[in-house]
Amino acid sequence: MFRHHWVLIHRYVGLTMTVFLVIVGLTGSLLAFYHELDRWLNPELLTVPVRDGPMLDPFTLRERAEALEPRARVDDWVSLHREPGEAYVLWSQAKTDPATGEAYALPYNELYLDPYTGEKIGTRQWGEVSLAKENILSFLYRLHYTLALPKGTGNLGH
């Protein structure tokens, strides 16, 4: 009788863990191709036509981004890596409104610029709980790592 109860507990705990492991396994399999899938789903946001002229300096692109949106502060991290034909992404945070002391409401935290001209291509909110094509992969990324690590362990954002 005692062994029978442990067998049942083992069975149902194992079945419960299966759901968790399947979700982590499937999201992890997709994340192995994160950049390729993101480029396939969002070419209008992540790709630009290759031009003959040189690409702008990353620090110039950062200055242009801050000029485009005065309520945002471009994150301290600036990528020096650039590839021809790829949009340049900058991470932004809302500045504090001096009048109210509250942060401005920004509907995005990623800003995409054309690396040749510095023009704004688009924006998106990384990690937003959404099944929209521009957010699905960042949502899966957060889901995968949130299930794998307890809150407060590691950095889930960019």
N, C-alpha and C. Protein backbone atom coordinates (compact mmCIF):
# COMPACT_ATOMS: atom_id res chain seq x y z
N MET A 1 0.83 -1.19 0.00
CA MET A 1 0.00 0.00 0.00
C MET A 1 0.88 1.26 0.00
N PHE A 2 1.91 1.30 0.85
CA PHE A 2 2.80 2.45 0.95
C PHE A 2 3.53 2.69 -0.38
N ARG A 3 4.03 1.63 -0.99
CA ARG A 3 4.74 1.74 -2.27
C ARG A 3 3.81 2.24 -3.36
N HIS A 4 2.58 1.82 -3.37
CA HIS A 4 1.60 2.23 -4.37
C HIS A 4 1.41 3.76 -4.37
N HIS A 5 1.35 4.36 -3.21
CA HIS A 5 1.20 5.82 -3.11
C HIS A 5 2.41 6.54 -3.70
N TRP A 6 3.61 6.05 -3.40
CA TRP A 6 4.81 6.66 -3.95
C TRP A 6 4.88 6.51 -5.47
N VAL A 7 4.41 5.40 -5.99
CA VAL A 7 4.37 5.20 -7.44
C VAL A 7 3.42 6.23 -8.08
N LEU A 8 2.27 6.45 -7.47
CA LEU A 8 1.32 7.44 -7.99
C LEU A 8 1.89 8.86 -7.92
N ILE A 9 2.51 9.18 -6.79
CA ILE A 9 3.12 10.51 -6.65
C ILE A 9 4.20 10.70 -7.70
N HIS A 10 5.05 9.70 -7.88
CA HIS A 10 6.12 9.75 -8.87
C HIS A 10 5.55 9.93 -10.28
N ARG A 11 4.49 9.21 -10.59
CA ARG A 11 3.88 9.27 -11.92
C ARG A 11 3.35 10.68 -12.20
N TYR A 12 2.59 11.24 -11.29
CA TYR A 12 1.95 12.52 -11.55
C TYR A 12 2.93 13.71 -11.45
N VAL A 13 3.92 13.60 -10.60
CA VAL A 13 4.96 14.63 -10.58
C VAL A 13 5.73 14.59 -11.90
N GLY A 14 6.03 13.40 -12.40
CA GLY A 14 6.72 13.25 -13.68
C GLY A 14 5.89 13.80 -14.84
N LEU A 15 4.60 13.53 -14.84
CA LEU A 15 3.73 14.06 -15.90
C LEU A 15 3.64 15.59 -15.83
N THR A 16 3.60 16.13 -14.63
CA THR A 16 3.57 17.58 -14.47
C THR A 16 4.87 18.20 -14.97
N MET A 17 5.99 17.58 -14.65
CA MET A 17 7.29 18.09 -15.11
C MET A 17 7.42 18.00 -16.63
N THR A 18 6.72 17.05 -17.25
CA THR A 18 6.79 16.89 -18.69
C THR A 18 6.31 18.15 -19.41
N VAL A 19 5.25 18.76 -18.90
CA VAL A 19 4.74 19.99 -19.51
C VAL A 19 5.82 21.07 -19.48
N PHE A 20 6.44 21.26 -18.34
CA PHE A 20 7.52 22.23 -18.18
C PHE A 20 8.67 21.92 -19.14
N LEU A 21 9.10 20.67 -19.20
CA LEU A 21 10.24 20.29 -20.03
C LEU A 21 9.94 20.42 -21.52
N VAL A 22 8.72 20.13 -21.93
CA VAL A 22 8.35 20.29 -23.34
C VAL A 22 8.38 21.77 -23.74
N ILE A 23 7.84 22.63 -22.89
CA ILE A 23 7.85 24.08 -23.19
C ILE A 23 9.29 24.59 -23.27
N VAL A 24 10.12 24.24 -22.30
CA VAL A 24 11.51 24.69 -22.30
C VAL A 24 12.25 24.12 -23.51
N GLY A 25 12.00 22.87 -23.85
CA GLY A 25 12.67 22.25 -24.99
C GLY A 25 12.27 22.88 -26.33
N LEU A 26 10.98 23.11 -26.51
CA LEU A 26 10.52 23.71 -27.77
C LEU A 26 10.98 25.16 -27.91
N THR A 27 10.86 25.94 -26.85
CA THR A 27 11.32 27.33 -26.95
C THR A 27 12.83 27.39 -27.14
N GLY A 28 13.57 26.53 -26.47
CA GLY A 28 15.02 26.49 -26.64
C GLY A 28 15.41 26.11 -28.05
N SER A 29 14.68 25.18 -28.66
CA SER A 29 14.96 24.78 -30.05
C SER A 29 14.75 25.95 -31.00
N LEU A 30 13.71 26.74 -30.77
CA LEU A 30 13.47 27.90 -31.62
C LEU A 30 14.52 28.98 -31.39
N LEU A 31 14.94 29.14 -30.15
CA LEU A 31 15.90 30.20 -29.83
C LEU A 31 17.28 29.92 -30.41
N ALA A 32 17.55 28.68 -30.76
CA ALA A 32 18.83 28.38 -31.42
C ALA A 32 18.93 29.11 -32.75
N PHE A 33 17.78 29.47 -33.32
CA PHE A 33 17.74 30.18 -34.61
C PHE A 33 17.09 31.55 -34.44
N TYR A 34 17.29 32.16 -33.28
CA TYR A 34 16.63 33.43 -32.94
C TYR A 34 16.83 34.49 -34.02
N HIS A 35 18.06 34.80 -34.37
CA HIS A 35 18.33 35.89 -35.30
C HIS A 35 17.83 35.58 -36.71
N GLU A 36 17.97 34.35 -37.15
CA GLU A 36 17.50 33.97 -38.47
C GLU A 36 15.98 34.05 -38.54
N LEU A 37 15.30 33.54 -37.52
CA LEU A 37 13.84 33.60 -37.50
C LEU A 37 13.34 35.04 -37.39
N ASP A 38 14.01 35.83 -36.57
CA ASP A 38 13.61 37.23 -36.41
C ASP A 38 13.76 37.99 -37.73
N ARG A 39 14.85 37.75 -38.43
CA ARG A 39 15.07 38.41 -39.73
C ARG A 39 14.03 37.95 -40.75
N TRP A 40 13.63 36.68 -40.69
CA TRP A 40 12.62 36.14 -41.60
C TRP A 40 11.24 36.72 -41.29
N LEU A 41 10.91 36.86 -40.00
CA LEU A 41 9.61 37.39 -39.61
C LEU A 41 9.50 38.90 -39.78
N ASN A 42 10.60 39.62 -39.60
CA ASN A 42 10.57 41.08 -39.58
C ASN A 42 11.59 41.72 -40.51
N PRO A 43 11.56 41.39 -41.81
CA PRO A 43 12.57 41.96 -42.72
C PRO A 43 12.46 43.48 -42.84
N GLU A 44 11.26 44.02 -42.71
CA GLU A 44 11.09 45.47 -42.84
C GLU A 44 11.72 46.23 -41.68
N LEU A 45 11.94 45.55 -40.58
CA LEU A 45 12.52 46.18 -39.39
C LEU A 45 14.02 45.92 -39.28
N LEU A 46 14.47 44.76 -39.75
CA LEU A 46 15.84 44.33 -39.50
C LEU A 46 16.78 44.40 -40.71
N THR A 47 16.25 44.67 -41.88
CA THR A 47 17.12 44.71 -43.06
C THR A 47 17.00 46.05 -43.76
N VAL A 48 18.08 46.46 -44.40
CA VAL A 48 18.12 47.68 -45.21
C VAL A 48 18.85 47.34 -46.51
N PRO A 49 18.58 48.11 -47.57
CA PRO A 49 19.33 47.86 -48.81
C PRO A 49 20.81 48.21 -48.62
N VAL A 50 21.68 47.39 -49.17
CA VAL A 50 23.12 47.66 -49.09
C VAL A 50 23.42 48.80 -50.06
N ARG A 51 24.18 49.77 -49.58
CA ARG A 51 24.54 50.93 -50.40
C ARG A 51 26.05 50.96 -50.63
N ASP A 52 26.46 51.75 -51.61
CA ASP A 52 27.89 51.86 -51.93
C ASP A 52 28.65 52.67 -50.90
N GLY A 53 28.01 53.65 -50.29
CA GLY A 53 28.69 54.54 -49.34
C GLY A 53 28.97 53.84 -48.02
N PRO A 54 29.76 54.49 -47.17
CA PRO A 54 30.09 53.90 -45.87
C PRO A 54 28.92 54.01 -44.89
N MET A 55 28.93 53.12 -43.91
CA MET A 55 27.94 53.18 -42.84
C MET A 55 28.39 54.22 -41.82
N LEU A 56 27.41 54.80 -41.15
CA LEU A 56 27.72 55.80 -40.13
C LEU A 56 28.36 55.15 -38.92
N ASP A 57 29.15 55.93 -38.22
CA ASP A 57 29.79 55.50 -36.99
C ASP A 57 28.71 55.17 -35.94
N PRO A 58 28.88 54.11 -35.13
CA PRO A 58 27.88 53.76 -34.11
C PRO A 58 27.57 54.89 -33.14
N PHE A 59 28.55 55.71 -32.80
CA PHE A 59 28.30 56.81 -31.87
C PHE A 59 27.50 57.94 -32.54
N THR A 60 27.68 58.09 -33.84
CA THR A 60 26.86 59.05 -34.60
C THR A 60 25.42 58.55 -34.64
N LEU A 61 25.25 57.25 -34.84
CA LEU A 61 23.90 56.68 -34.85
C LEU A 61 23.23 56.85 -33.49
N ARG A 62 24.00 56.71 -32.44
CA ARG A 62 23.45 56.90 -31.09
C ARG A 62 22.97 58.35 -30.91
N GLU A 63 23.77 59.31 -31.36
CA GLU A 63 23.37 60.72 -31.27
C GLU A 63 22.11 61.00 -32.08
N ARG A 64 22.01 60.40 -33.27
CA ARG A 64 20.81 60.58 -34.11
C ARG A 64 19.59 59.99 -33.42
N ALA A 65 19.76 58.85 -32.78
CA ALA A 65 18.63 58.22 -32.08
C ALA A 65 18.13 59.12 -30.95
N GLU A 66 19.04 59.69 -30.19
CA GLU A 66 18.63 60.57 -29.10
C GLU A 66 18.00 61.85 -29.63
N ALA A 67 18.41 62.31 -30.81
CA ALA A 67 17.80 63.50 -31.42
C ALA A 67 16.40 63.18 -31.93
N LEU A 68 16.19 61.95 -32.42
CA LEU A 68 14.87 61.54 -32.92
C LEU A 68 13.82 61.47 -31.81
N GLU A 69 14.23 61.05 -30.64
CA GLU A 69 13.31 60.89 -29.52
C GLU A 69 13.91 61.52 -28.28
N PRO A 70 13.60 62.80 -28.02
CA PRO A 70 14.20 63.48 -26.87
C PRO A 70 13.73 62.94 -25.51
N ARG A 71 12.63 62.17 -25.49
CA ARG A 71 12.15 61.61 -24.22
C ARG A 71 12.87 60.31 -23.86
N ALA A 72 13.72 59.83 -24.76
CA ALA A 72 14.41 58.56 -24.54
C ALA A 72 15.90 58.78 -24.37
N ARG A 73 16.49 57.92 -23.58
CA ARG A 73 17.93 57.89 -23.41
C ARG A 73 18.41 56.58 -23.98
N VAL A 74 19.34 56.67 -24.92
CA VAL A 74 19.88 55.44 -25.51
C VAL A 74 20.75 54.78 -24.46
N ASP A 75 20.57 53.49 -24.32
CA ASP A 75 21.29 52.73 -23.31
C ASP A 75 22.80 52.92 -23.46
N ASP A 76 23.50 52.72 -22.37
CA ASP A 76 24.95 52.91 -22.36
C ASP A 76 25.69 51.94 -23.27
N TRP A 77 25.06 50.83 -23.58
CA TRP A 77 25.68 49.83 -24.42
C TRP A 77 25.46 50.17 -25.88
N VAL A 78 26.51 50.31 -26.66
CA VAL A 78 26.43 50.59 -28.08
C VAL A 78 27.23 49.52 -28.80
N SER A 79 26.59 48.83 -29.72
CA SER A 79 27.27 47.78 -30.47
C SER A 79 28.17 48.39 -31.53
N LEU A 80 29.41 47.93 -31.57
CA LEU A 80 30.34 48.39 -32.60
C LEU A 80 30.28 47.48 -33.82
N HIS A 81 29.61 46.36 -33.70
CA HIS A 81 29.50 45.39 -34.80
C HIS A 81 28.37 45.81 -35.73
N ARG A 82 28.69 45.93 -37.00
CA ARG A 82 27.68 46.26 -38.00
C ARG A 82 27.89 45.39 -39.22
N GLU A 83 26.79 44.98 -39.83
CA GLU A 83 26.85 44.16 -41.04
C GLU A 83 26.13 44.90 -42.16
N PRO A 84 26.68 44.87 -43.38
CA PRO A 84 25.97 45.49 -44.50
C PRO A 84 24.60 44.83 -44.70
N GLY A 85 23.60 45.64 -44.90
CA GLY A 85 22.25 45.11 -45.13
C GLY A 85 21.44 44.89 -43.86
N GLU A 86 22.03 45.10 -42.69
CA GLU A 86 21.30 44.93 -41.43
C GLU A 86 21.03 46.29 -40.80
N ALA A 87 19.84 46.44 -40.25
CA ALA A 87 19.50 47.66 -39.53
C ALA A 87 20.34 47.71 -38.25
N TYR A 88 20.54 48.91 -37.75
CA TYR A 88 21.30 49.10 -36.52
C TYR A 88 20.30 49.27 -35.38
N VAL A 89 20.43 48.45 -34.35
CA VAL A 89 19.49 48.49 -33.23
C VAL A 89 20.14 49.17 -32.03
N LEU A 90 19.35 50.01 -31.39
CA LEU A 90 19.77 50.69 -30.17
C LEU A 90 18.73 50.45 -29.10
N TRP A 91 19.18 50.22 -27.88
CA TRP A 91 18.28 50.02 -26.75
C TRP A 91 18.04 51.36 -26.08
N SER A 92 16.81 51.65 -25.78
CA SER A 92 16.49 52.94 -25.18
C SER A 92 15.69 52.77 -23.90
N GLN A 93 15.79 53.79 -23.05
CA GLN A 93 15.03 53.84 -21.82
C GLN A 93 14.39 55.21 -21.73
N ALA A 94 13.26 55.28 -21.04
CA ALA A 94 12.57 56.55 -20.90
C ALA A 94 13.34 57.46 -19.95
N LYS A 95 13.46 58.73 -20.33
CA LYS A 95 14.04 59.73 -19.44
C LYS A 95 12.99 60.14 -18.41
N THR A 96 13.43 60.80 -17.37
CA THR A 96 12.53 61.29 -16.35
C THR A 96 12.05 62.69 -16.71
N ASP A 97 10.75 62.89 -16.61
CA ASP A 97 10.17 64.21 -16.85
C ASP A 97 10.53 65.12 -15.69
N PRO A 98 11.27 66.21 -15.93
CA PRO A 98 11.67 67.07 -14.82
C PRO A 98 10.49 67.73 -14.10
N ALA A 99 9.39 67.93 -14.80
CA ALA A 99 8.23 68.59 -14.18
C ALA A 99 7.53 67.68 -13.17
N THR A 100 7.42 66.39 -13.51
CA THR A 100 6.67 65.47 -12.65
C THR A 100 7.56 64.53 -11.85
N GLY A 101 8.79 64.32 -12.30
CA GLY A 101 9.67 63.35 -11.65
C GLY A 101 9.38 61.92 -12.05
N GLU A 102 8.41 61.73 -12.94
CA GLU A 102 8.04 60.40 -13.44
C GLU A 102 8.72 60.15 -14.78
N ALA A 103 8.91 58.89 -15.09
CA ALA A 103 9.49 58.53 -16.39
C ALA A 103 8.46 58.76 -17.49
N TYR A 104 8.93 59.25 -18.63
CA TYR A 104 8.05 59.40 -19.79
C TYR A 104 7.53 58.03 -20.21
N ALA A 105 6.36 58.00 -20.79
CA ALA A 105 5.79 56.75 -21.30
C ALA A 105 6.31 56.53 -22.72
N LEU A 106 7.11 55.53 -22.90
CA LEU A 106 7.61 55.18 -24.23
C LEU A 106 7.02 53.82 -24.62
N PRO A 107 6.46 53.70 -25.81
CA PRO A 107 5.87 52.43 -26.22
C PRO A 107 6.89 51.42 -26.78
N TYR A 108 8.17 51.70 -26.63
CA TYR A 108 9.20 50.81 -27.17
C TYR A 108 10.47 50.90 -26.35
N ASN A 109 11.33 49.90 -26.52
CA ASN A 109 12.67 49.96 -25.92
C ASN A 109 13.76 49.59 -26.92
N GLU A 110 13.37 49.31 -28.14
CA GLU A 110 14.32 49.07 -29.23
C GLU A 110 14.03 50.07 -30.34
N LEU A 111 15.07 50.68 -30.85
CA LEU A 111 14.96 51.64 -31.94
C LEU A 111 15.86 51.15 -33.07
N TYR A 112 15.30 51.05 -34.27
CA TYR A 112 16.04 50.55 -35.43
C TYR A 112 16.31 51.70 -36.40
N LEU A 113 17.59 51.84 -36.76
CA LEU A 113 18.02 52.90 -37.67
C LEU A 113 18.70 52.31 -38.90
N ASP A 114 18.59 53.06 -40.00
CA ASP A 114 19.34 52.72 -41.21
C ASP A 114 20.79 53.12 -40.94
N PRO A 115 21.73 52.17 -40.99
CA PRO A 115 23.12 52.50 -40.65
C PRO A 115 23.82 53.38 -41.68
N TYR A 116 23.22 53.54 -42.85
CA TYR A 116 23.82 54.38 -43.88
C TYR A 116 23.38 55.84 -43.77
N THR A 117 22.12 56.05 -43.36
CA THR A 117 21.56 57.40 -43.33
C THR A 117 21.21 57.89 -41.93
N GLY A 118 21.03 56.98 -41.00
CA GLY A 118 20.62 57.35 -39.66
C GLY A 118 19.12 57.56 -39.52
N GLU A 119 18.36 57.25 -40.57
CA GLU A 119 16.91 57.41 -40.52
C GLU A 119 16.27 56.31 -39.68
N LYS A 120 15.18 56.65 -39.03
CA LYS A 120 14.44 55.70 -38.20
C LYS A 120 13.68 54.73 -39.10
N ILE A 121 13.89 53.43 -38.85
CA ILE A 121 13.18 52.40 -39.59
C ILE A 121 11.94 51.96 -38.82
N GLY A 122 12.09 51.80 -37.52
CA GLY A 122 10.96 51.37 -36.70
C GLY A 122 11.37 51.16 -35.26
N THR A 123 10.41 50.74 -34.47
CA THR A 123 10.63 50.49 -33.04
C THR A 123 9.85 49.23 -32.65
N ARG A 124 10.22 48.69 -31.50
CA ARG A 124 9.43 47.61 -30.91
C ARG A 124 9.77 47.48 -29.43
N GLN A 125 8.88 46.85 -28.71
CA GLN A 125 9.05 46.61 -27.28
C GLN A 125 9.57 45.18 -27.11
N TRP A 126 10.83 45.05 -26.75
CA TRP A 126 11.42 43.72 -26.58
C TRP A 126 10.81 43.03 -25.37
N GLY A 127 10.43 41.76 -25.54
CA GLY A 127 9.92 40.96 -24.44
C GLY A 127 8.46 41.17 -24.11
N GLU A 128 7.75 41.97 -24.90
CA GLU A 128 6.34 42.21 -24.64
C GLU A 128 5.56 40.90 -24.79
N VAL A 129 4.63 40.67 -23.90
CA VAL A 129 3.80 39.47 -23.97
C VAL A 129 2.82 39.68 -25.11
N SER A 130 3.18 39.14 -26.25
CA SER A 130 2.40 39.35 -27.46
C SER A 130 2.75 38.26 -28.47
N LEU A 131 1.76 37.89 -29.25
CA LEU A 131 2.01 36.93 -30.32
C LEU A 131 2.15 37.62 -31.67
N ALA A 132 2.29 38.95 -31.66
CA ALA A 132 2.54 39.69 -32.89
C ALA A 132 3.90 39.28 -33.45
N LYS A 133 4.02 39.27 -34.76
CA LYS A 133 5.25 38.75 -35.38
C LYS A 133 6.51 39.50 -34.95
N GLU A 134 6.39 40.79 -34.62
CA GLU A 134 7.58 41.53 -34.20
C GLU A 134 7.98 41.22 -32.76
N ASN A 135 7.09 40.63 -31.98
CA ASN A 135 7.37 40.38 -30.56
C ASN A 135 7.43 38.90 -30.18
N ILE A 136 7.04 38.02 -31.06
CA ILE A 136 6.90 36.60 -30.68
C ILE A 136 8.22 36.00 -30.20
N LEU A 137 9.33 36.28 -30.87
CA LEU A 137 10.59 35.66 -30.47
C LEU A 137 11.12 36.21 -29.16
N SER A 138 10.99 37.50 -28.93
CA SER A 138 11.45 38.03 -27.64
C SER A 138 10.55 37.52 -26.50
N PHE A 139 9.27 37.32 -26.79
CA PHE A 139 8.38 36.73 -25.80
C PHE A 139 8.80 35.29 -25.48
N LEU A 140 9.11 34.51 -26.52
CA LEU A 140 9.57 33.13 -26.30
C LEU A 140 10.89 33.10 -25.55
N TYR A 141 11.77 34.05 -25.82
CA TYR A 141 13.04 34.15 -25.11
C TYR A 141 12.79 34.36 -23.62
N ARG A 142 11.95 35.32 -23.30
CA ARG A 142 11.64 35.58 -21.88
C ARG A 142 10.96 34.40 -21.24
N LEU A 143 10.03 33.76 -21.96
CA LEU A 143 9.35 32.58 -21.42
C LEU A 143 10.35 31.48 -21.12
N HIS A 144 11.24 31.22 -22.06
CA HIS A 144 12.24 30.16 -21.89
C HIS A 144 13.11 30.41 -20.66
N TYR A 145 13.66 31.60 -20.54
CA TYR A 145 14.56 31.88 -19.43
C TYR A 145 13.84 32.09 -18.11
N THR A 146 12.59 32.54 -18.15
CA THR A 146 11.82 32.67 -16.92
C THR A 146 11.49 31.30 -16.34
N LEU A 147 11.21 30.35 -17.20
CA LEU A 147 10.95 28.99 -16.73
C LEU A 147 12.22 28.31 -16.25
N ALA A 148 13.34 28.64 -16.85
CA ALA A 148 14.59 27.97 -16.52
C ALA A 148 15.27 28.54 -15.28
N LEU A 149 15.10 29.84 -15.02
CA LEU A 149 15.78 30.48 -13.91
C LEU A 149 14.77 31.17 -13.00
N PRO A 150 14.95 31.08 -11.72
CA PRO A 150 14.06 31.81 -10.83
C PRO A 150 14.24 33.32 -10.97
N LYS A 151 13.22 34.06 -10.58
CA LYS A 151 13.27 35.51 -10.68
C LYS A 151 14.46 36.06 -9.89
N GLY A 152 15.14 37.03 -10.52
CA GLY A 152 16.28 37.64 -9.88
C GLY A 152 17.59 36.94 -10.19
N THR A 153 17.54 35.84 -10.95
CA THR A 153 18.74 35.13 -11.34
C THR A 153 19.09 35.51 -12.77
N GLY A 154 20.14 36.23 -12.96
CA GLY A 154 20.55 36.61 -14.32
C GLY A 154 19.78 37.79 -14.83
N ASN A 155 20.10 38.19 -16.04
CA ASN A 155 19.46 39.34 -16.67
C ASN A 155 18.61 38.85 -17.81
N LEU A 156 17.30 39.00 -17.73
CA LEU A 156 16.40 38.54 -18.77
C LEU A 156 16.18 39.57 -19.85
N GLY A 157 16.53 40.79 -19.60
CA GLY A 157 16.36 41.85 -20.59
C GLY A 157 17.66 42.11 -21.31
N HIS A 158 17.59 43.05 -22.20
CA HIS A 158 18.81 43.44 -22.93
C HIS A 158 19.32 44.73 -22.40
